[in-house]
C-alpha atoms as a PDB file:
ATOM      1  CA  UNK A   1     -53.525 -39.984 -28.888  1.00  0.00           C
ATOM      2  CA  UNK A   2     -55.880 -42.073 -31.525  1.00  0.00           C
ATOM      3  CA  UNK A   3     -55.096 -45.600 -31.905  1.00  0.00           C
ATOM      4  CA  UNK A   4     -55.734 -47.964 -34.985  1.00  0.00           C
ATOM      5  CA  UNK A   5     -58.427 -50.180 -34.098  1.00  0.00           C
ATOM      6  CA  UNK A   6     -56.596 -53.236 -35.212  1.00  0.00           C
ATOM      7  CA  UNK A   7     -55.847 -55.577 -32.742  1.00  0.00           C
ATOM      8  CA  UNK A   8     -54.257 -58.845 -34.070  1.00  0.00           C
ATOM      9  CA  UNK A   9     -54.332 -61.011 -30.987  1.00  0.00           C
ATOM     10  CA  UNK A  10     -57.564 -60.586 -29.385  1.00  0.00           C
ATOM     11  CA  UNK A  11     -57.331 -62.898 -26.336  1.00  0.00           C
ATOM     12  CA  UNK A  12     -55.657 -66.058 -24.614  1.00  0.00           C
ATOM     13  CA  UNK A  13     -57.714 -68.816 -22.856  1.00  0.00           C
ATOM     14  CA  UNK A  14     -56.645 -72.139 -21.236  1.00  0.00           C
ATOM     15  CA  UNK A  15     -57.284 -75.612 -22.788  1.00  0.00           C
ATOM     16  CA  UNK A  16     -57.011 -77.265 -19.366  1.00  0.00           C
ATOM     17  CA  UNK A  17     -60.348 -77.142 -17.665  1.00  0.00           C
ATOM     18  CA  UNK A  18     -59.214 -79.268 -14.587  1.00  0.00           C
ATOM     19  CA  UNK A  19     -56.141 -79.053 -12.480  1.00  0.00           C
ATOM     20  CA  UNK A  20     -53.168 -77.882 -13.694  1.00  0.00           C
ATOM     21  CA  UNK A  21     -49.835 -79.948 -13.589  1.00  0.00           C
ATOM     22  CA  UNK A  22     -47.431 -79.361 -10.546  1.00  0.00           C
ATOM     23  CA  UNK A  23     -44.288 -78.944 -12.458  1.00  0.00           C
ATOM     24  CA  UNK A  24     -42.868 -75.363 -13.669  1.00  0.00           C
ATOM     25  CA  UNK A  25     -44.189 -73.251 -14.970  1.00  0.00           C
ATOM     26  CA  UNK A  26     -47.763 -74.438 -14.482  1.00  0.00           C
ATOM     27  CA  UNK A  27     -47.027 -74.199 -10.729  1.00  0.00           C
ATOM     28  CA  UNK A  28     -46.721 -70.602 -10.794  1.00  0.00           C
ATOM     29  CA  UNK A  29     -49.507 -68.798  -9.193  1.00  0.00           C
ATOM     30  CA  UNK A  30     -50.397 -66.504 -12.242  1.00  0.00           C
ATOM     31  CA  UNK A  31     -50.619 -69.576 -14.209  1.00  0.00           C
ATOM     32  CA  UNK A  32     -52.921 -71.655 -11.779  1.00  0.00           C
ATOM     33  CA  UNK A  33     -55.640 -69.040 -11.489  1.00  0.00           C
ATOM     34  CA  UNK A  34     -55.444 -67.986 -15.019  1.00  0.00           C
ATOM     35  CA  UNK A  35     -58.905 -68.110 -16.665  1.00  0.00           C
ATOM     36  CA  UNK A  36     -58.355 -66.206 -19.727  1.00  0.00           C
ATOM     37  CA  UNK A  37     -57.245 -62.716 -21.037  1.00  0.00           C
ATOM     38  CA  UNK A  38     -58.643 -60.331 -23.540  1.00  0.00           C
ATOM     39  CA  UNK A  39     -56.536 -57.577 -25.266  1.00  0.00           C
ATOM     40  CA  UNK A  40     -58.615 -54.385 -25.623  1.00  0.00           C
ATOM     41  CA  UNK A  41     -55.687 -51.857 -26.809  1.00  0.00           C
ATOM     42  CA  UNK A  42     -52.779 -52.016 -28.922  1.00  0.00           C
ATOM     43  CA  UNK A  43     -50.238 -51.634 -26.291  1.00  0.00           C
ATOM     44  CA  UNK A  44     -50.521 -53.911 -22.999  1.00  0.00           C
ATOM     45  CA  UNK A  45     -48.293 -54.135 -20.178  1.00  0.00           C
ATOM     46  CA  UNK A  46     -47.555 -56.867 -17.822  1.00  0.00           C
ATOM     47  CA  UNK A  47     -46.134 -55.370 -14.519  1.00  0.00           C
ATOM     48  CA  UNK A  48     -45.132 -56.582 -11.326  1.00  0.00           C
ATOM     49  CA  UNK A  49     -42.248 -57.566  -9.104  1.00  0.00           C
ATOM     50  CA  UNK A  50     -39.342 -60.269 -10.113  1.00  0.00           C
ATOM     51  CA  UNK A  51     -40.489 -63.619 -10.014  1.00  0.00           C
ATOM     52  CA  UNK A  52     -44.276 -62.956 -10.300  1.00  0.00           C
ATOM     53  CA  UNK A  53     -44.677 -64.638 -13.811  1.00  0.00           C
ATOM     54  CA  UNK A  54     -45.109 -61.923 -15.944  1.00  0.00           C
ATOM     55  CA  UNK A  55     -41.854 -62.748 -18.111  1.00  0.00           C
ATOM     56  CA  UNK A  56     -42.767 -66.602 -18.420  1.00  0.00           C
ATOM     57  CA  UNK A  57     -46.415 -65.487 -19.586  1.00  0.00           C
ATOM     58  CA  UNK A  58     -45.076 -63.334 -22.098  1.00  0.00           C
ATOM     59  CA  UNK A  59     -42.860 -66.116 -23.545  1.00  0.00           C
ATOM     60  CA  UNK A  60     -45.556 -68.599 -23.533  1.00  0.00           C
ATOM     61  CA  UNK A  61     -47.690 -66.429 -25.601  1.00  0.00           C
ATOM     62  CA  UNK A  62     -44.571 -65.916 -27.923  1.00  0.00           C
ATOM     63  CA  UNK A  63     -44.137 -69.930 -28.276  1.00  0.00           C
ATOM     64  CA  UNK A  64     -47.944 -70.137 -28.540  1.00  0.00           C
ATOM     65  CA  UNK A  65     -48.411 -67.542 -31.388  1.00  0.00           C
ATOM     66  CA  UNK A  66     -45.370 -69.147 -33.286  1.00  0.00           C
ATOM     67  CA  UNK A  67     -43.019 -65.891 -32.914  1.00  0.00           C
ATOM     68  CA  UNK A  68     -39.743 -65.412 -34.093  1.00  0.00           C
ATOM     69  CA  UNK A  69     -36.938 -63.567 -32.189  1.00  0.00           C
ATOM     70  CA  UNK A  70     -35.098 -60.308 -32.973  1.00  0.00           C
ATOM     71  CA  UNK A  71     -32.590 -62.440 -34.550  1.00  0.00           C
ATOM     72  CA  UNK A  72     -35.205 -64.081 -36.718  1.00  0.00           C
ATOM     73  CA  UNK A  73     -35.072 -67.562 -35.349  1.00  0.00           C
ATOM     74  CA  UNK A  74     -38.247 -69.491 -34.132  1.00  0.00           C
ATOM     75  CA  UNK A  75     -38.764 -69.625 -30.543  1.00  0.00           C
ATOM     76  CA  UNK A  76     -39.130 -73.211 -31.163  1.00  0.00           C
ATOM     77  CA  UNK A  77     -35.466 -73.611 -31.644  1.00  0.00           C
ATOM     78  CA  UNK A  78     -34.758 -71.894 -28.124  1.00  0.00           C
ATOM     79  CA  UNK A  79     -33.556 -74.514 -25.661  1.00  0.00           C
ATOM     80  CA  UNK A  80     -34.395 -71.953 -22.928  1.00  0.00           C
ATOM     81  CA  UNK A  81     -38.182 -72.215 -23.662  1.00  0.00           C
ATOM     82  CA  UNK A  82     -38.432 -75.946 -23.574  1.00  0.00           C
ATOM     83  CA  UNK A  83     -40.803 -75.972 -20.681  1.00  0.00           C
ATOM     84  CA  UNK A  84     -42.569 -72.817 -21.547  1.00  0.00           C
ATOM     85  CA  UNK A  85     -43.335 -74.495 -25.097  1.00  0.00           C
ATOM     86  CA  UNK A  86     -45.098 -76.904 -23.141  1.00  0.00           C
ATOM     87  CA  UNK A  87     -47.621 -74.550 -21.662  1.00  0.00           C
ATOM     88  CA  UNK A  88     -48.022 -72.820 -24.792  1.00  0.00           C
ATOM     89  CA  UNK A  89     -49.356 -75.866 -26.025  1.00  0.00           C
ATOM     90  CA  UNK A  90     -52.245 -75.612 -23.216  1.00  0.00           C
ATOM     91  CA  UNK A  91     -53.070 -72.066 -24.641  1.00  0.00           C
ATOM     92  CA  UNK A  92     -55.937 -71.035 -27.116  1.00  0.00           C
ATOM     93  CA  UNK A  93     -55.206 -67.855 -29.159  1.00  0.00           C
ATOM     94  CA  UNK A  94     -58.160 -65.958 -30.699  1.00  0.00           C
ATOM     95  CA  UNK A  95     -57.199 -63.393 -33.408  1.00  0.00           C
ATOM     96  CA  UNK A  96     -58.824 -60.884 -35.515  1.00  0.00           C
ATOM     97  CA  UNK A  97     -56.164 -61.953 -38.231  1.00  0.00           C
ATOM     98  CA  UNK A  98     -53.641 -64.354 -37.791  1.00  0.00           C
ATOM     99  CA  UNK A  99     -50.229 -62.403 -38.262  1.00  0.00           C
ATOM    100  CA  UNK A 100     -46.708 -63.610 -38.772  1.00  0.00           C
ATOM    101  CA  UNK A 101     -45.060 -60.269 -38.766  1.00  0.00           C
ATOM    102  CA  UNK A 102     -43.433 -58.898 -35.479  1.00  0.00           C
ATOM    103  CA  UNK A 103     -40.849 -60.362 -33.083  1.00  0.00           C
ATOM    104  CA  UNK A 104     -40.418 -61.500 -29.869  1.00  0.00           C
ATOM    105  CA  UNK A 105     -37.227 -59.766 -27.638  1.00  0.00           C
ATOM    106  CA  UNK A 106     -35.879 -60.218 -24.189  1.00  0.00           C
ATOM    107  CA  UNK A 107     -33.281 -57.893 -22.933  1.00  0.00           C
ATOM    108  CA  UNK A 108     -30.517 -60.202 -23.431  1.00  0.00           C
ATOM    109  CA  UNK A 109     -31.377 -61.100 -26.893  1.00  0.00           C
ATOM    110  CA  UNK A 110     -30.084 -57.476 -27.969  1.00  0.00           C
ATOM    111  CA  UNK A 111     -26.551 -58.427 -26.684  1.00  0.00           C
ATOM    112  CA  UNK A 112     -26.296 -61.583 -28.463  1.00  0.00           C
ATOM    113  CA  UNK A 113     -27.837 -60.544 -31.791  1.00  0.00           C
ATOM    114  CA  UNK A 114     -25.520 -57.531 -31.854  1.00  0.00           C
ATOM    115  CA  UNK A 115     -22.390 -59.955 -31.456  1.00  0.00           C
ATOM    116  CA  UNK A 116     -23.797 -62.272 -33.856  1.00  0.00           C
ATOM    117  CA  UNK A 117     -23.889 -59.217 -36.314  1.00  0.00           C
ATOM    118  CA  UNK A 118     -20.023 -58.368 -35.689  1.00  0.00           C
ATOM    119  CA  UNK A 119     -19.332 -62.204 -36.286  1.00  0.00           C
ATOM    120  CA  UNK A 120     -21.105 -61.862 -39.526  1.00  0.00           C
ATOM    121  CA  UNK A 121     -19.968 -58.757 -40.800  1.00  0.00           C
ATOM    122  CA  UNK A 122     -16.210 -59.681 -40.107  1.00  0.00           C
ATOM    123  CA  UNK A 123     -16.701 -62.961 -41.944  1.00  0.00           C
ATOM    124  CA  UNK A 124     -18.033 -61.148 -44.894  1.00  0.00           C
ATOM    125  CA  UNK A 125     -14.955 -58.946 -44.592  1.00  0.00           C
ATOM    126  CA  UNK A 126     -12.536 -61.928 -44.590  1.00  0.00           C
ATOM    127  CA  UNK A 127     -14.297 -63.729 -47.492  1.00  0.00           C
ATOM    128  CA  UNK A 128     -13.724 -60.442 -49.267  1.00  0.00           C
ATOM    129  CA  UNK A 129     -10.122 -60.207 -48.592  1.00  0.00           C
ATOM    130  CA  UNK A 130      -9.679 -63.959 -49.410  1.00  0.00           C
ATOM    131  CA  UNK A 131     -11.205 -63.303 -52.892  1.00  0.00           C
ATOM    132  CA  UNK A 132      -8.870 -60.289 -53.847  1.00  0.00           C
ATOM    133  CA  UNK A 133      -6.138 -62.511 -53.115  1.00  0.00           C
ATOM    134  CA  UNK A 134      -7.484 -65.469 -54.973  1.00  0.00           C
ATOM    135  CA  UNK A 135      -8.649 -63.573 -57.934  1.00  0.00           C
ATOM    136  CA  UNK A 136      -5.630 -60.878 -58.245  1.00  0.00           C
ATOM    137  CA  UNK A 137      -4.362 -62.179 -61.168  1.00  0.00           C
ATOM    138  CA  UNK A 138      -7.982 -62.827 -62.986  1.00  0.00           C
ATOM    139  CA  UNK A 139     -10.134 -60.610 -65.053  1.00  0.00           C
ATOM    140  CA  UNK A 140     -11.742 -57.504 -63.335  1.00  0.00           C
ATOM    141  CA  UNK A 141     -15.204 -58.900 -64.446  1.00  0.00           C
ATOM    142  CA  UNK A 142     -14.143 -62.193 -62.757  1.00  0.00           C
ATOM    143  CA  UNK A 143     -13.429 -60.054 -59.737  1.00  0.00           C
ATOM    144  CA  UNK A 144     -16.659 -58.522 -59.622  1.00  0.00           C
ATOM    145  CA  UNK A 145     -18.585 -61.535 -60.088  1.00  0.00           C
ATOM    146  CA  UNK A 146     -16.713 -63.386 -57.055  1.00  0.00           C
ATOM    147  CA  UNK A 147     -16.814 -60.238 -54.833  1.00  0.00           C
ATOM    148  CA  UNK A 148     -20.866 -59.405 -55.389  1.00  0.00           C
ATOM    149  CA  UNK A 149     -22.296 -61.691 -53.529  1.00  0.00           C
ATOM    150  CA  UNK A 150     -20.439 -60.623 -50.086  1.00  0.00           C
ATOM    151  CA  UNK A 151     -20.602 -56.887 -51.243  1.00  0.00           C
ATOM    152  CA  UNK A 152     -24.317 -57.307 -51.618  1.00  0.00           C
ATOM    153  CA  UNK A 153     -24.702 -58.620 -48.061  1.00  0.00           C
ATOM    154  CA  UNK A 154     -22.608 -56.038 -46.366  1.00  0.00           C
ATOM    155  CA  UNK A 155     -24.616 -53.426 -48.446  1.00  0.00           C
ATOM    156  CA  UNK A 156     -27.559 -54.889 -46.943  1.00  0.00           C
ATOM    157  CA  UNK A 157     -26.607 -54.922 -43.327  1.00  0.00           C
ATOM    158  CA  UNK A 158     -25.304 -51.252 -43.709  1.00  0.00           C
ATOM    159  CA  UNK A 159     -29.075 -50.124 -45.260  1.00  0.00           C
ATOM    160  CA  UNK A 160     -30.480 -51.875 -42.259  1.00  0.00           C
ATOM    161  CA  UNK A 161     -28.229 -51.014 -39.337  1.00  0.00           C
ATOM    162  CA  UNK A 162     -25.943 -48.224 -40.525  1.00  0.00           C
ATOM    163  CA  UNK A 163     -22.346 -48.455 -41.175  1.00  0.00           C
ATOM    164  CA  UNK A 164     -21.297 -48.865 -37.443  1.00  0.00           C
ATOM    165  CA  UNK A 165     -21.779 -52.235 -35.375  1.00  0.00           C
ATOM    166  CA  UNK A 166     -24.556 -52.535 -33.108  1.00  0.00           C
ATOM    167  CA  UNK A 167     -22.106 -53.209 -30.182  1.00  0.00           C
ATOM    168  CA  UNK A 168     -20.006 -50.143 -31.145  1.00  0.00           C
ATOM    169  CA  UNK A 169     -23.010 -47.895 -30.470  1.00  0.00           C
ATOM    170  CA  UNK A 170     -24.271 -47.270 -26.694  1.00  0.00           C
ATOM    171  CA  UNK A 171     -26.553 -50.029 -25.656  1.00  0.00           C
ATOM    172  CA  UNK A 172     -29.411 -47.806 -25.900  1.00  0.00           C
ATOM    173  CA  UNK A 173     -28.679 -46.264 -29.236  1.00  0.00           C
ATOM    174  CA  UNK A 174     -28.083 -49.809 -30.603  1.00  0.00           C
ATOM    175  CA  UNK A 175     -31.457 -51.256 -29.263  1.00  0.00           C
ATOM    176  CA  UNK A 176     -33.243 -48.433 -30.891  1.00  0.00           C
ATOM    177  CA  UNK A 177     -31.363 -48.842 -33.886  1.00  0.00           C
ATOM    178  CA  UNK A 178     -32.177 -52.791 -34.076  1.00  0.00           C
ATOM    179  CA  UNK A 179     -35.800 -52.129 -33.106  1.00  0.00           C
ATOM    180  CA  UNK A 180     -36.320 -49.693 -35.813  1.00  0.00           C
ATOM    181  CA  UNK A 181     -34.582 -51.839 -38.467  1.00  0.00           C
ATOM    182  CA  UNK A 182     -36.630 -54.846 -37.684  1.00  0.00           C
ATOM    183  CA  UNK A 183     -39.946 -53.104 -37.373  1.00  0.00           C
ATOM    184  CA  UNK A 184     -42.850 -53.986 -39.840  1.00  0.00           C
ATOM    185  CA  UNK A 185     -45.896 -52.596 -40.152  1.00  0.00           C
ATOM    186  CA  UNK A 186     -49.306 -54.788 -38.874  1.00  0.00           C
ATOM    187  CA  UNK A 187     -46.842 -56.804 -36.794  1.00  0.00           C
ATOM    188  CA  UNK A 188     -47.307 -58.678 -32.903  1.00  0.00           C
ATOM    189  CA  UNK A 189     -44.477 -57.518 -30.850  1.00  0.00           C
ATOM    190  CA  UNK A 190     -43.517 -59.313 -27.690  1.00  0.00           C
ATOM    191  CA  UNK A 191     -40.897 -57.629 -25.522  1.00  0.00           C
ATOM    192  CA  UNK A 192     -39.575 -58.378 -22.081  1.00  0.00           C
ATOM    193  CA  UNK A 193     -38.062 -55.449 -20.282  1.00  0.00           C
ATOM    194  CA  UNK A 194     -37.098 -53.394 -23.303  1.00  0.00           C
ATOM    195  CA  UNK A 195     -35.890 -50.535 -20.767  1.00  0.00           C
ATOM    196  CA  UNK A 196     -32.953 -52.209 -19.781  1.00  0.00           C
ATOM    197  CA  UNK A 197     -30.272 -50.624 -22.217  1.00  0.00           C
ATOM    198  CA  UNK A 198     -32.349 -47.631 -22.261  1.00  0.00           C
ATOM    199  CA  UNK A 199     -31.645 -44.505 -20.177  1.00  0.00           C
ATOM    200  CA  UNK A 200     -34.489 -42.213 -19.354  1.00  0.00           C
ATOM    201  CA  UNK A 201     -34.162 -40.124 -22.438  1.00  0.00           C
ATOM    202  CA  UNK A 202     -33.927 -43.155 -24.452  1.00  0.00           C
ATOM    203  CA  UNK A 203     -36.923 -44.575 -22.931  1.00  0.00           C
ATOM    204  CA  UNK A 204     -38.847 -41.365 -23.955  1.00  0.00           C
ATOM    205  CA  UNK A 205     -37.573 -42.036 -27.420  1.00  0.00           C
ATOM    206  CA  UNK A 206     -39.091 -45.837 -27.299  1.00  0.00           C
ATOM    207  CA  UNK A 207     -42.376 -44.130 -26.585  1.00  0.00           C
ATOM    208  CA  UNK A 208     -42.374 -41.954 -29.588  1.00  0.00           C
ATOM    209  CA  UNK A 209     -41.526 -45.010 -31.609  1.00  0.00           C
ATOM    210  CA  UNK A 210     -44.452 -47.047 -30.011  1.00  0.00           C
ATOM    211  CA  UNK A 211     -46.548 -44.101 -31.074  1.00  0.00           C
ATOM    212  CA  UNK A 212     -45.454 -44.258 -34.532  1.00  0.00           C
ATOM    213  CA  UNK A 213     -45.523 -47.861 -35.093  1.00  0.00           C
ATOM    214  CA  UNK A 214     -49.281 -48.371 -33.609  1.00  0.00           C
ATOM    215  CA  UNK A 215     -50.291 -45.903 -36.026  1.00  0.00           C
ATOM    216  CA  UNK A 216     -48.943 -48.500 -38.433  1.00  0.00           C
ATOM    217  CA  UNK A 217     -51.135 -51.241 -36.991  1.00  0.00           C
ATOM    218  CA  UNK A 218     -48.500 -52.725 -34.794  1.00  0.00           C
ATOM    219  CA  UNK A 219     -49.645 -54.298 -31.752  1.00  0.00           C
ATOM    220  CA  UNK A 220     -47.514 -54.482 -28.730  1.00  0.00           C
ATOM    221  CA  UNK A 221     -47.784 -56.767 -25.222  1.00  0.00           C
ATOM    222  CA  UNK A 222     -44.496 -55.651 -23.099  1.00  0.00           C
ATOM    223  CA  UNK A 223     -43.445 -56.884 -19.749  1.00  0.00           C
ATOM    224  CA  UNK A 224     -41.561 -53.974 -17.780  1.00  0.00           C
ATOM    225  CA  UNK A 225     -40.431 -52.325 -14.489  1.00  0.00           C
ATOM    226  CA  UNK A 226     -40.360 -48.846 -16.094  1.00  0.00           C
ATOM    227  CA  UNK A 227     -42.664 -46.217 -14.997  1.00  0.00           C
ATOM    228  CA  UNK A 228     -41.934 -44.171 -18.173  1.00  0.00           C
ATOM    229  CA  UNK A 229     -42.534 -46.936 -20.471  1.00  0.00           C
ATOM    230  CA  UNK A 230     -45.959 -47.741 -18.430  1.00  0.00           C
ATOM    231  CA  UNK A 231     -47.059 -44.375 -18.795  1.00  0.00           C
ATOM    232  CA  UNK A 232     -47.763 -44.700 -22.696  1.00  0.00           C
ATOM    233  CA  UNK A 233     -51.063 -43.050 -23.511  1.00  0.00           C
ATOM    234  CA  UNK A 234     -54.055 -45.545 -23.492  1.00  0.00           C
ATOM    235  CA  UNK A 235     -52.020 -48.465 -22.858  1.00  0.00           C
ATOM    236  CA  UNK A 236     -54.043 -51.621 -20.699  1.00  0.00           C
ATOM    237  CA  UNK A 237     -51.759 -52.415 -17.562  1.00  0.00           C
ATOM    238  CA  UNK A 238     -52.225 -55.857 -16.007  1.00  0.00           C
ATOM    239  CA  UNK A 239     -50.517 -56.346 -12.493  1.00  0.00           C
ATOM    240  CA  UNK A 240     -49.473 -59.901 -11.777  1.00  0.00           C
ATOM    241  CA  UNK A 241     -48.006 -59.363  -8.139  1.00  0.00           C
ATOM    242  CA  UNK A 242     -50.997 -61.000  -6.505  1.00  0.00           C
ATOM    243  CA  UNK A 243     -50.942 -64.285  -8.223  1.00  0.00           C
ATOM    244  CA  UNK A 244     -53.637 -63.318 -10.831  1.00  0.00           C
ATOM    245  CA  UNK A 245     -53.796 -60.716 -13.716  1.00  0.00           C
ATOM    246  CA  UNK A 246     -55.437 -57.638 -12.467  1.00  0.00           C
ATOM    247  CA  UNK A 247     -55.937 -54.549 -14.626  1.00  0.00           C
ATOM    248  CA  UNK A 248     -54.541 -51.760 -12.930  1.00  0.00           C
ATOM    249  CA  UNK A 249     -54.528 -47.839 -13.462  1.00  0.00           C
ATOM    250  CA  UNK A 250     -51.206 -46.282 -13.855  1.00  0.00           C
ATOM    251  CA  UNK A 251     -51.124 -44.311 -10.797  1.00  0.00           C
ATOM    252  CA  UNK A 252     -52.118 -47.477  -8.597  1.00  0.00           C
ATOM    253  CA  UNK A 253     -48.840 -49.317  -9.910  1.00  0.00           C
ATOM    254  CA  UNK A 254     -46.613 -49.935  -7.084  1.00  0.00           C
ATOM    255  CA  UNK A 255     -43.501 -49.255  -9.252  1.00  0.00           C
ATOM    256  CA  UNK A 256     -44.970 -45.790  -9.696  1.00  0.00           C
ATOM    257  CA  UNK A 257     -46.094 -44.820  -6.306  1.00  0.00           C
ATOM    258  CA  UNK A 258     -42.581 -45.906  -5.027  1.00  0.00           C
ATOM    259  CA  UNK A 259     -40.952 -44.194  -7.846  1.00  0.00           C
ATOM    260  CA  UNK A 260     -43.295 -40.789  -7.316  1.00  0.00           C
ATOM    261  CA  UNK A 261     -42.537 -41.022  -3.561  1.00  0.00           C
ATOM    262  CA  UNK A 262     -39.029 -41.372  -3.696  1.00  0.00           C
ATOM    263  CA  UNK A 263     -38.322 -38.624  -5.984  1.00  0.00           C
ATOM    264  CA  UNK A 264     -40.580 -36.317  -4.068  1.00  0.00           C
ATOM    265  CA  UNK A 265     -38.255 -36.807  -0.891  1.00  0.00           C
ATOM    266  CA  UNK A 266     -34.920 -39.015  -1.710  1.00  0.00           C
ATOM    267  CA  UNK A 267     -33.533 -37.962   1.698  1.00  0.00           C
ATOM    268  CA  UNK A 268     -36.249 -39.219   3.557  1.00  0.00           C
ATOM    269  CA  UNK A 269     -36.090 -42.623   1.633  1.00  0.00           C
ATOM    270  CA  UNK A 270     -32.488 -42.794   2.040  1.00  0.00           C
ATOM    271  CA  UNK A 271     -32.543 -42.197   6.135  1.00  0.00           C
ATOM    272  CA  UNK A 272     -35.174 -44.828   6.441  1.00  0.00           C
ATOM    273  CA  UNK A 273     -33.491 -47.341   4.550  1.00  0.00           C
ATOM    274  CA  UNK A 274     -29.778 -46.666   5.688  1.00  0.00           C
ATOM    275  CA  UNK A 275     -29.671 -45.061   9.052  1.00  0.00           C
ATOM    276  CA  UNK A 276     -28.832 -47.255  11.519  1.00  0.00           C
END
């Protein structure tokens, strides 16, 4: 597979040259040992066990880059990122060309955005019903003008996300619909565990989307536990498990080795785990 040679975010380096502060998130081993990271692939994966710091580091990149969330809100408005925003100020980002395109998305953000879209659609439909009642004795022209703003917004939602609300679809279908709808070329996309709502088949579909988007000069930095998603050809993979960021080959990733071993002989694994 041939990639575009466009990598928007070239690297991250710490501004602090001495000792890091003691409080979270500075006290994470991955942060205390951080000396810099260069991006040499349009797709970069952060892998490792829960608690190793990969999500926190990804959030700090989003804050340092000034990303928006998938719901089009600035990460600066997210109260859950207050401490991470402080860390982000101690990072220096190097760009080939600064891009404001793209978004930052955590797995839980999809659910919140889907519910928000339902509320917006219901509000618009209720406003239409009120207009119909208020303007029932007015001219057709007056009714058209009164209804137009709400119909335009509903039409825009339908064009972007389809006729079904995102939460009426399966999580996987809704996630991929949202992902495609919000994608623009030449963007930086920061994603934390996108596999959460996706079945194995949907994860394969996600890989196809990644390939198409990379060809449109998109850059992805993704924290994941999924051996399927990690298999994206040509991706750079960094392991966070040992308190520092170490580039690792796909076949050497613990998640991959454990998954392969289990699938080759699940009975043996279950015997070792469950037999008393």
